[in-house]
PDB file of N, CA and C in Angstrom:
ATOM      1  N   MET A   1       1.011  -8.829  -0.908  1.00  0.00           N
ATOM      2  CA  MET A   1       1.707  -9.460   0.267  1.00  0.00           C
ATOM      3  C   MET A   1       1.040  -9.113   1.642  1.00  0.00           C
ATOM      4  N   SER A   2       0.383  -7.917   1.624  1.00  0.00           N
ATOM      5  CA  SER A   2      -0.239  -7.584   2.847  1.00  0.00           C
ATOM      6  C   SER A   2      -1.589  -8.292   2.866  1.00  0.00           C
ATOM      7  N   ASP A   3      -2.130  -8.325   4.196  1.00  0.00           N
ATOM      8  CA  ASP A   3      -3.396  -8.908   4.239  1.00  0.00           C
ATOM      9  C   ASP A   3      -4.538  -8.254   3.575  1.00  0.00           C
ATOM     10  N   HIS A   4      -5.635  -8.925   3.433  1.00  0.00           N
ATOM     11  CA  HIS A   4      -6.792  -8.246   2.815  1.00  0.00           C
ATOM     12  C   HIS A   4      -7.251  -7.075   3.646  1.00  0.00           C
ATOM     13  N   SER A   5      -7.791  -6.139   3.001  1.00  0.00           N
ATOM     14  CA  SER A   5      -8.304  -4.950   3.705  1.00  0.00           C
ATOM     15  C   SER A   5      -9.404  -5.433   4.613  1.00  0.00           C
ATOM     16  N   SER A   6      -9.376  -4.845   5.910  1.00  0.00           N
ATOM     17  CA  SER A   6     -10.317  -5.091   6.917  1.00  0.00           C
ATOM     18  C   SER A   6     -10.344  -3.968   7.870  1.00  0.00           C
ATOM     19  N   GLU A   7     -11.329  -3.934   8.768  1.00  0.00           N
ATOM     20  CA  GLU A   7     -11.416  -2.965   9.828  1.00  0.00           C
ATOM     21  C   GLU A   7     -10.144  -3.001  10.759  1.00  0.00           C
ATOM     22  N   THR A   8      -9.732  -4.169  11.047  1.00  0.00           N
ATOM     23  CA  THR A   8      -8.566  -4.433  11.865  1.00  0.00           C
ATOM     24  C   THR A   8      -7.349  -3.854  11.176  1.00  0.00           C
ATOM     25  N   LEU A   9      -7.132  -4.108   9.911  1.00  0.00           N
ATOM     26  CA  LEU A   9      -5.991  -3.578   9.168  1.00  0.00           C
ATOM     27  C   LEU A   9      -6.049  -2.094   9.072  1.00  0.00           C
ATOM     28  N   PHE A  10      -7.238  -1.552   8.830  1.00  0.00           N
ATOM     29  CA  PHE A  10      -7.409  -0.097   8.819  1.00  0.00           C
ATOM     30  C   PHE A  10      -7.034   0.542  10.148  1.00  0.00           C
ATOM     31  N   ASN A  11      -7.474  -0.007  11.217  1.00  0.00           N
ATOM     32  CA  ASN A  11      -7.168   0.557  12.448  1.00  0.00           C
ATOM     33  C   ASN A  11      -5.706   0.435  12.905  1.00  0.00           C
ATOM     34  N   SER A  12      -5.027  -0.498  12.294  1.00  0.00           N
ATOM     35  CA  SER A  12      -3.573  -0.694  12.613  1.00  0.00           C
ATOM     36  C   SER A  12      -2.725   0.448  12.102  1.00  0.00           C
ATOM     37  N   GLY A  13      -3.221   1.289  11.147  1.00  0.00           N
ATOM     38  CA  GLY A  13      -2.410   2.297  10.615  1.00  0.00           C
ATOM     39  C   GLY A  13      -2.862   3.721  11.017  1.00  0.00           C
ATOM     40  N   LEU A  14      -3.940   3.772  11.851  1.00  0.00           N
ATOM     41  CA  LEU A  14      -4.521   5.050  12.183  1.00  0.00           C
ATOM     42  C   LEU A  14      -3.529   6.057  12.881  1.00  0.00           C
ATOM     43  N   ASP A  15      -2.541   5.552  13.689  1.00  0.00           N
ATOM     44  CA  ASP A  15      -1.685   6.403  14.395  1.00  0.00           C
ATOM     45  C   ASP A  15      -0.826   7.244  13.469  1.00  0.00           C
ATOM     46  N   ASN A  16      -0.669   6.820  12.244  1.00  0.00           N
ATOM     47  CA  ASN A  16       0.306   7.434  11.318  1.00  0.00           C
ATOM     48  C   ASN A  16      -0.408   8.318  10.315  1.00  0.00           C
ATOM     49  N   ILE A  17      -1.639   8.555  10.408  1.00  0.00           N
ATOM     50  CA  ILE A  17      -2.389   9.403   9.377  1.00  0.00           C
ATOM     51  C   ILE A  17      -2.276  10.896   9.854  1.00  0.00           C
ATOM     52  N   PRO A  18      -1.617  11.654   9.161  1.00  0.00           N
ATOM     53  CA  PRO A  18      -1.344  13.067   9.487  1.00  0.00           C
ATOM     54  C   PRO A  18      -2.690  14.001   9.376  1.00  0.00           C
ATOM     55  N   SER A  19      -3.614  13.529   8.514  1.00  0.00           N
ATOM     56  CA  SER A  19      -4.767  14.345   8.256  1.00  0.00           C
ATOM     57  C   SER A  19      -6.029  13.465   8.104  1.00  0.00           C
ATOM     58  N   GLN A  20      -7.104  13.759   8.837  1.00  0.00           N
ATOM     59  CA  GLN A  20      -8.298  13.055   8.653  1.00  0.00           C
ATOM     60  C   GLN A  20      -9.146  13.371   7.423  1.00  0.00           C
ATOM     61  N   SER A  21      -8.638  14.353   6.694  1.00  0.00           N
ATOM     62  CA  SER A  21      -9.433  14.831   5.546  1.00  0.00           C
ATOM     63  C   SER A  21      -9.141  14.037   4.223  1.00  0.00           C
ATOM     64  N   ILE A  22      -8.177  13.161   4.361  1.00  0.00           N
ATOM     65  CA  ILE A  22      -7.841  12.312   3.151  1.00  0.00           C
ATOM     66  C   ILE A  22      -8.856  11.211   2.928  1.00  0.00           C
ATOM     67  N   CYS A  23      -8.908  10.753   1.808  1.00  0.00           N
ATOM     68  CA  CYS A  23      -9.954   9.645   1.398  1.00  0.00           C
ATOM     69  C   CYS A  23      -9.664   8.282   2.183  1.00  0.00           C
ATOM     70  N   PHE A  24     -10.664   7.471   2.145  1.00  0.00           N
ATOM     71  CA  PHE A  24     -10.598   6.132   2.895  1.00  0.00           C
ATOM     72  C   PHE A  24      -9.430   5.336   2.239  1.00  0.00           C
ATOM     73  N   PRO A  25      -9.388   5.147   0.951  1.00  0.00           N
ATOM     74  CA  PRO A  25      -8.194   4.365   0.390  1.00  0.00           C
ATOM     75  C   PRO A  25      -6.852   4.843   0.882  1.00  0.00           C
ATOM     76  N   ALA A  26      -6.593   6.108   0.894  1.00  0.00           N
ATOM     77  CA  ALA A  26      -5.322   6.624   1.350  1.00  0.00           C
ATOM     78  C   ALA A  26      -5.170   6.296   2.843  1.00  0.00           C
ATOM     79  N   LYS A  27      -6.209   6.358   3.646  1.00  0.00           N
ATOM     80  CA  LYS A  27      -6.017   5.989   5.064  1.00  0.00           C
ATOM     81  C   LYS A  27      -5.786   4.497   5.144  1.00  0.00           C
ATOM     82  N   MET A  28      -6.348   3.674   4.317  1.00  0.00           N
ATOM     83  CA  MET A  28      -6.200   2.176   4.361  1.00  0.00           C
ATOM     84  C   MET A  28      -4.742   1.825   4.059  1.00  0.00           C
ATOM     85  N   VAL A  29      -4.094   2.580   3.165  1.00  0.00           N
ATOM     86  CA  VAL A  29      -2.697   2.275   2.808  1.00  0.00           C
ATOM     87  C   VAL A  29      -1.755   2.307   4.048  1.00  0.00           C
ATOM     88  N   HIS A  30      -2.060   3.147   4.981  1.00  0.00           N
ATOM     89  CA  HIS A  30      -1.274   3.082   6.292  1.00  0.00           C
ATOM     90  C   HIS A  30      -1.308   1.773   7.029  1.00  0.00           C
ATOM     91  N   GLY A  31      -2.497   1.229   7.020  1.00  0.00           N
ATOM     92  CA  GLY A  31      -2.615  -0.151   7.552  1.00  0.00           C
ATOM     93  C   GLY A  31      -1.914  -1.188   6.765  1.00  0.00           C
ATOM     94  N   HIS A  32      -1.942  -1.060   5.491  1.00  0.00           N
ATOM     95  CA  HIS A  32      -1.181  -2.060   4.594  1.00  0.00           C
ATOM     96  C   HIS A  32       0.291  -1.947   4.818  1.00  0.00           C
ATOM     97  N   ILE A  33       0.800  -0.727   4.864  1.00  0.00           N
ATOM     98  CA  ILE A  33       2.246  -0.537   5.043  1.00  0.00           C
ATOM     99  C   ILE A  33       2.601  -1.101   6.424  1.00  0.00           C
ATOM    100  N   THR A  34       1.805  -0.795   7.488  1.00  0.00           N
ATOM    101  CA  THR A  34       2.116  -1.390   8.833  1.00  0.00           C
ATOM    102  C   THR A  34       2.130  -2.875   8.731  1.00  0.00           C
ATOM    103  N   ASN A  35       1.216  -3.414   8.082  1.00  0.00           N
ATOM    104  CA  ASN A  35       1.097  -4.914   7.985  1.00  0.00           C
ATOM    105  C   ASN A  35       2.316  -5.430   7.324  1.00  0.00           C
ATOM    106  N   LEU A  36       2.802  -4.831   6.204  1.00  0.00           N
ATOM    107  CA  LEU A  36       4.025  -5.327   5.563  1.00  0.00           C
ATOM    108  C   LEU A  36       5.207  -5.233   6.363  1.00  0.00           C
ATOM    109  N   ALA A  37       5.310  -4.151   7.141  1.00  0.00           N
ATOM    110  CA  ALA A  37       6.472  -4.016   8.116  1.00  0.00           C
ATOM    111  C   ALA A  37       6.520  -5.079   9.198  1.00  0.00           C
ATOM    112  N   GLU A  38       5.217  -5.349   9.696  1.00  0.00           N
ATOM    113  CA  GLU A  38       5.142  -6.428  10.775  1.00  0.00           C
ATOM    114  C   GLU A  38       5.467  -7.786  10.205  1.00  0.00           C
ATOM    115  N   LYS A  39       5.296  -8.004   8.834  1.00  0.00           N
ATOM    116  CA  LYS A  39       5.615  -9.266   8.295  1.00  0.00           C
ATOM    117  C   LYS A  39       7.052  -9.432   7.998  1.00  0.00           C
ATOM    118  N   GLY A  40       7.875  -8.287   8.175  1.00  0.00           N
ATOM    119  CA  GLY A  40       9.327  -8.429   7.949  1.00  0.00           C
ATOM    120  C   GLY A  40       9.658  -8.139   6.548  1.00  0.00           C
ATOM    121  N   ILE A  41       8.831  -7.534   5.748  1.00  0.00           N
ATOM    122  CA  ILE A  41       9.242  -7.068   4.376  1.00  0.00           C
ATOM    123  C   ILE A  41      10.368  -6.059   4.576  1.00  0.00           C
ATOM    124  N   LYS A  42      11.313  -6.133   3.665  1.00  0.00           N
ATOM    125  CA  LYS A  42      12.405  -5.171   3.788  1.00  0.00           C
ATOM    126  C   LYS A  42      12.596  -4.232   2.627  1.00  0.00           C
ATOM    127  N   LEU A  43      11.636  -4.310   1.637  1.00  0.00           N
ATOM    128  CA  LEU A  43      11.647  -3.393   0.424  1.00  0.00           C
ATOM    129  C   LEU A  43      10.169  -3.122   0.063  1.00  0.00           C
ATOM    130  N   ILE A  44       9.756  -1.816   0.066  1.00  0.00           N
ATOM    131  CA  ILE A  44       8.438  -1.491  -0.499  1.00  0.00           C
ATOM    132  C   ILE A  44       8.610  -0.456  -1.519  1.00  0.00           C
ATOM    133  N   PHE A  45       8.008  -0.780  -2.725  1.00  0.00           N
ATOM    134  CA  PHE A  45       7.978   0.083  -3.835  1.00  0.00           C
ATOM    135  C   PHE A  45       6.581   0.680  -3.971  1.00  0.00           C
ATOM    136  N   TYR A  46       6.436   1.967  -3.827  1.00  0.00           N
ATOM    137  CA  TYR A  46       5.151   2.671  -3.807  1.00  0.00           C
ATOM    138  C   TYR A  46       5.403   3.962  -4.527  1.00  0.00           C
ATOM    139  N   PRO A  47       5.198   3.930  -5.857  1.00  0.00           N
ATOM    140  CA  PRO A  47       5.543   5.048  -6.746  1.00  0.00           C
ATOM    141  C   PRO A  47       4.478   6.253  -6.604  1.00  0.00           C
ATOM    142  N   CYS A  48       5.041   7.479  -6.716  1.00  0.00           N
ATOM    143  CA  CYS A  48       4.145   8.581  -6.915  1.00  0.00           C
ATOM    144  C   CYS A  48       3.666   8.564  -8.354  1.00  0.00           C
ATOM    145  N   ILE A  49       2.449   8.680  -8.646  1.00  0.00           N
ATOM    146  CA  ILE A  49       1.878   8.594 -10.064  1.00  0.00           C
ATOM    147  C   ILE A  49       0.929   9.812 -10.179  1.00  0.00           C
ATOM    148  N   PRO A  50       1.509  10.871 -10.780  1.00  0.00           N
ATOM    149  CA  PRO A  50       0.759  12.151 -10.936  1.00  0.00           C
ATOM    150  C   PRO A  50      -0.262  12.020 -12.077  1.00  0.00           C
ATOM    151  N   TYR A  51       0.007  11.214 -13.068  1.00  0.00           N
ATOM    152  CA  TYR A  51      -0.911  11.151 -14.190  1.00  0.00           C
ATOM    153  C   TYR A  51      -0.815   9.755 -14.820  1.00  0.00           C
ATOM    154  N   GLU A  52      -1.915   9.379 -15.499  1.00  0.00           N
ATOM    155  CA  GLU A  52      -2.006   8.065 -16.183  1.00  0.00           C
ATOM    156  C   GLU A  52      -1.975   8.272 -17.702  1.00  0.00           C
ATOM    157  N   VAL A  53      -1.926   7.226 -18.430  1.00  0.00           N
ATOM    158  CA  VAL A  53      -2.129   7.344 -19.893  1.00  0.00           C
ATOM    159  C   VAL A  53      -3.486   7.738 -20.235  1.00  0.00           C
ATOM    160  N   LYS A  54      -3.577   8.657 -21.156  1.00  0.00           N
ATOM    161  CA  LYS A  54      -4.896   9.120 -21.560  1.00  0.00           C
ATOM    162  C   LYS A  54      -5.513   8.025 -22.468  1.00  0.00           C
ATOM    163  N   GLU A  55      -6.502   7.272 -21.893  1.00  0.00           N
ATOM    164  CA  GLU A  55      -6.973   6.115 -22.566  1.00  0.00           C
ATOM    165  C   GLU A  55      -8.122   6.491 -23.610  1.00  0.00           C
ATOM    166  N   PHE A  56      -8.865   7.589 -23.398  1.00  0.00           N
ATOM    167  CA  PHE A  56     -10.002   7.897 -24.267  1.00  0.00           C
ATOM    168  C   PHE A  56      -9.838   9.311 -24.860  1.00  0.00           C
ATOM    169  N   LYS A  57      -9.843   9.508 -26.096  1.00  0.00           N
ATOM    170  CA  LYS A  57      -9.621  10.827 -26.671  1.00  0.00           C
ATOM    171  C   LYS A  57     -10.683  11.814 -26.250  1.00  0.00           C
ATOM    172  N   ASP A  58     -11.847  11.413 -25.873  1.00  0.00           N
ATOM    173  CA  ASP A  58     -12.886  12.259 -25.566  1.00  0.00           C
ATOM    174  C   ASP A  58     -12.720  12.807 -24.002  1.00  0.00           C
ATOM    175  N   PHE A  59     -11.876  12.163 -23.280  1.00  0.00           N
ATOM    176  CA  PHE A  59     -11.607  12.597 -21.929  1.00  0.00           C
ATOM    177  C   PHE A  59     -10.564  13.668 -21.955  1.00  0.00           C
ATOM    178  N   ASP A  60     -10.699  14.774 -21.256  1.00  0.00           N
ATOM    179  CA  ASP A  60      -9.766  15.783 -21.293  1.00  0.00           C
ATOM    180  C   ASP A  60      -8.743  15.899 -20.131  1.00  0.00           C
ATOM    181  N   ASN A  61      -8.906  14.905 -19.138  1.00  0.00           N
ATOM    182  CA  ASN A  61      -8.092  14.874 -17.984  1.00  0.00           C
ATOM    183  C   ASN A  61      -7.584  13.400 -17.806  1.00  0.00           C
ATOM    184  N   HIS A  62      -6.326  13.297 -17.597  1.00  0.00           N
ATOM    185  CA  HIS A  62      -5.781  11.984 -17.237  1.00  0.00           C
ATOM    186  C   HIS A  62      -4.811  12.097 -16.041  1.00  0.00           C
ATOM    187  N   TYR A  63      -4.949  13.173 -15.338  1.00  0.00           N
ATOM    188  CA  TYR A  63      -4.253  13.320 -14.053  1.00  0.00           C
ATOM    189  C   TYR A  63      -4.899  12.817 -12.920  1.00  0.00           C
ATOM    190  N   ASN A  64      -4.137  12.143 -12.021  1.00  0.00           N
ATOM    191  CA  ASN A  64      -4.683  11.607 -10.763  1.00  0.00           C
ATOM    192  C   ASN A  64      -4.964  12.719  -9.786  1.00  0.00           C
ATOM    193  N   CYS A  65      -5.677  12.391  -8.785  1.00  0.00           N
ATOM    194  CA  CYS A  65      -5.931  13.291  -7.690  1.00  0.00           C
ATOM    195  C   CYS A  65      -4.575  13.499  -7.020  1.00  0.00           C
ATOM    196  N   HIS A  66      -4.456  14.609  -6.248  1.00  0.00           N
ATOM    197  CA  HIS A  66      -3.245  14.888  -5.540  1.00  0.00           C
ATOM    198  C   HIS A  66      -2.773  13.826  -4.516  1.00  0.00           C
ATOM    199  N   ILE A  67      -3.782  13.145  -3.938  1.00  0.00           N
ATOM    200  CA  ILE A  67      -3.462  12.091  -2.998  1.00  0.00           C
ATOM    201  C   ILE A  67      -2.850  10.910  -3.731  1.00  0.00           C
ATOM    202  N   VAL A  68      -3.334  10.467  -4.827  1.00  0.00           N
ATOM    203  CA  VAL A  68      -2.711   9.398  -5.610  1.00  0.00           C
ATOM    204  C   VAL A  68      -1.267   9.755  -6.090  1.00  0.00           C
ATOM    205  N   GLY A  69      -1.232  10.937  -6.488  1.00  0.00           N
ATOM    206  CA  GLY A  69       0.019  11.449  -7.010  1.00  0.00           C
ATOM    207  C   GLY A  69       1.153  11.621  -5.972  1.00  0.00           C
ATOM    208  N   SER A  70       0.816  11.838  -4.790  1.00  0.00           N
ATOM    209  CA  SER A  70       1.887  12.209  -3.744  1.00  0.00           C
ATOM    210  C   SER A  70       1.784  11.473  -2.426  1.00  0.00           C
ATOM    211  N   HIS A  71       0.814  10.641  -2.269  1.00  0.00           N
ATOM    212  CA  HIS A  71       0.710  10.015  -0.948  1.00  0.00           C
ATOM    213  C   HIS A  71       1.842   9.143  -0.533  1.00  0.00           C
ATOM    214  N   PRO A  72       2.638   8.508  -1.478  1.00  0.00           N
ATOM    215  CA  PRO A  72       3.798   7.809  -1.068  1.00  0.00           C
ATOM    216  C   PRO A  72       4.793   8.735  -0.277  1.00  0.00           C
ATOM    217  N   GLU A  73       4.870   9.993  -0.566  1.00  0.00           N
ATOM    218  CA  GLU A  73       5.740  10.958   0.132  1.00  0.00           C
ATOM    219  C   GLU A  73       5.186  11.087   1.615  1.00  0.00           C
ATOM    220  N   VAL A  74       3.843  11.110   1.766  1.00  0.00           N
ATOM    221  CA  VAL A  74       3.315  11.232   3.023  1.00  0.00           C
ATOM    222  C   VAL A  74       3.675   9.921   3.952  1.00  0.00           C
ATOM    223  N   ILE A  75       3.589   8.817   3.318  1.00  0.00           N
ATOM    224  CA  ILE A  75       3.957   7.529   3.937  1.00  0.00           C
ATOM    225  C   ILE A  75       5.388   7.636   4.336  1.00  0.00           C
ATOM    226  N   ARG A  76       6.267   8.055   3.467  1.00  0.00           N
ATOM    227  CA  ARG A  76       7.662   8.001   3.775  1.00  0.00           C
ATOM    228  C   ARG A  76       8.035   8.951   4.900  1.00  0.00           C
ATOM    229  N   LEU A  77       7.349  10.052   4.987  1.00  0.00           N
ATOM    230  CA  LEU A  77       7.684  11.009   5.988  1.00  0.00           C
ATOM    231  C   LEU A  77       6.937  10.892   7.323  1.00  0.00           C
ATOM    232  N   ASN A  78       5.919  10.094   7.349  1.00  0.00           N
ATOM    233  CA  ASN A  78       5.074   9.984   8.552  1.00  0.00           C
ATOM    234  C   ASN A  78       5.051   8.482   9.198  1.00  0.00           C
ATOM    235  N   MET A  79       5.636   7.599   8.571  1.00  0.00           N
ATOM    236  CA  MET A  79       5.576   6.274   9.138  1.00  0.00           C
ATOM    237  C   MET A  79       6.982   5.850   9.653  1.00  0.00           C
ATOM    238  N   SER A  80       7.170   6.097  10.929  1.00  0.00           N
ATOM    239  CA  SER A  80       8.516   5.788  11.546  1.00  0.00           C
ATOM    240  C   SER A  80       8.830   4.371  11.553  1.00  0.00           C
ATOM    241  N   ILE A  81       7.787   3.513  11.373  1.00  0.00           N
ATOM    242  CA  ILE A  81       8.006   2.089  11.364  1.00  0.00           C
ATOM    243  C   ILE A  81       9.001   1.665  10.221  1.00  0.00           C
ATOM    244  N   LEU A  82       8.955   2.439   9.170  1.00  0.00           N
ATOM    245  CA  LEU A  82       9.873   2.138   8.011  1.00  0.00           C
ATOM    246  C   LEU A  82      11.305   2.187   8.480  1.00  0.00           C
ATOM    247  N   GLU A  83      11.647   3.272   9.137  1.00  0.00           N
ATOM    248  CA  GLU A  83      13.013   3.400   9.679  1.00  0.00           C
ATOM    249  C   GLU A  83      13.329   2.448  10.783  1.00  0.00           C
ATOM    250  N   GLU A  84      12.375   2.279  11.732  1.00  0.00           N
ATOM    251  CA  GLU A  84      12.580   1.423  12.893  1.00  0.00           C
ATOM    252  C   GLU A  84      12.813  -0.025  12.379  1.00  0.00           C
ATOM    253  N   LYS A  85      12.184  -0.478  11.299  1.00  0.00           N
ATOM    254  CA  LYS A  85      12.375  -1.843  10.877  1.00  0.00           C
ATOM    255  C   LYS A  85      13.374  -2.054   9.731  1.00  0.00           C
ATOM    256  N   GLY A  86      14.052  -0.923   9.425  1.00  0.00           N
ATOM    257  CA  GLY A  86      15.046  -0.912   8.338  1.00  0.00           C
ATOM    258  C   GLY A  86      14.595  -1.259   7.006  1.00  0.00           C
ATOM    259  N   ILE A  87      13.298  -0.765   6.680  1.00  0.00           N
ATOM    260  CA  ILE A  87      12.710  -1.026   5.458  1.00  0.00           C
ATOM    261  C   ILE A  87      13.215   0.013   4.341  1.00  0.00           C
ATOM    262  N   LYS A  88      13.607  -0.437   3.286  1.00  0.00           N
ATOM    263  CA  LYS A  88      13.966   0.418   2.135  1.00  0.00           C
ATOM    264  C   LYS A  88      12.607   0.794   1.474  1.00  0.00           C
ATOM    265  N   PHE A  89      12.358   2.043   1.395  1.00  0.00           N
ATOM    266  CA  PHE A  89      11.140   2.561   0.776  1.00  0.00           C
ATOM    267  C   PHE A  89      11.292   3.348  -0.450  1.00  0.00           C
ATOM    268  N   LEU A  90      10.920   2.760  -1.540  1.00  0.00           N
ATOM    269  CA  LEU A  90      11.142   3.322  -2.896  1.00  0.00           C
ATOM    270  C   LEU A  90       9.859   3.907  -3.451  1.00  0.00           C
TER     271      LEU A  90
END
């Protein structure tokens, strides 16, 4: 429902990024959340996913990086637009 990723979308969320050391996709999420809020979306589901299904028996790790596993909490705690716009964030 949010617009396609772009430099403009990326820049729209920069004010809410608490750390410049996170990866680009995590930074881009801030722009997408801002975009959804500006479109009037009233419910956003963004789950914390600490691990995935182990798809290949030869792989010994199926845990996501800590950003994927916990970044929704960063969004919830750092993006005041969620509360300002009355958005339910799950």
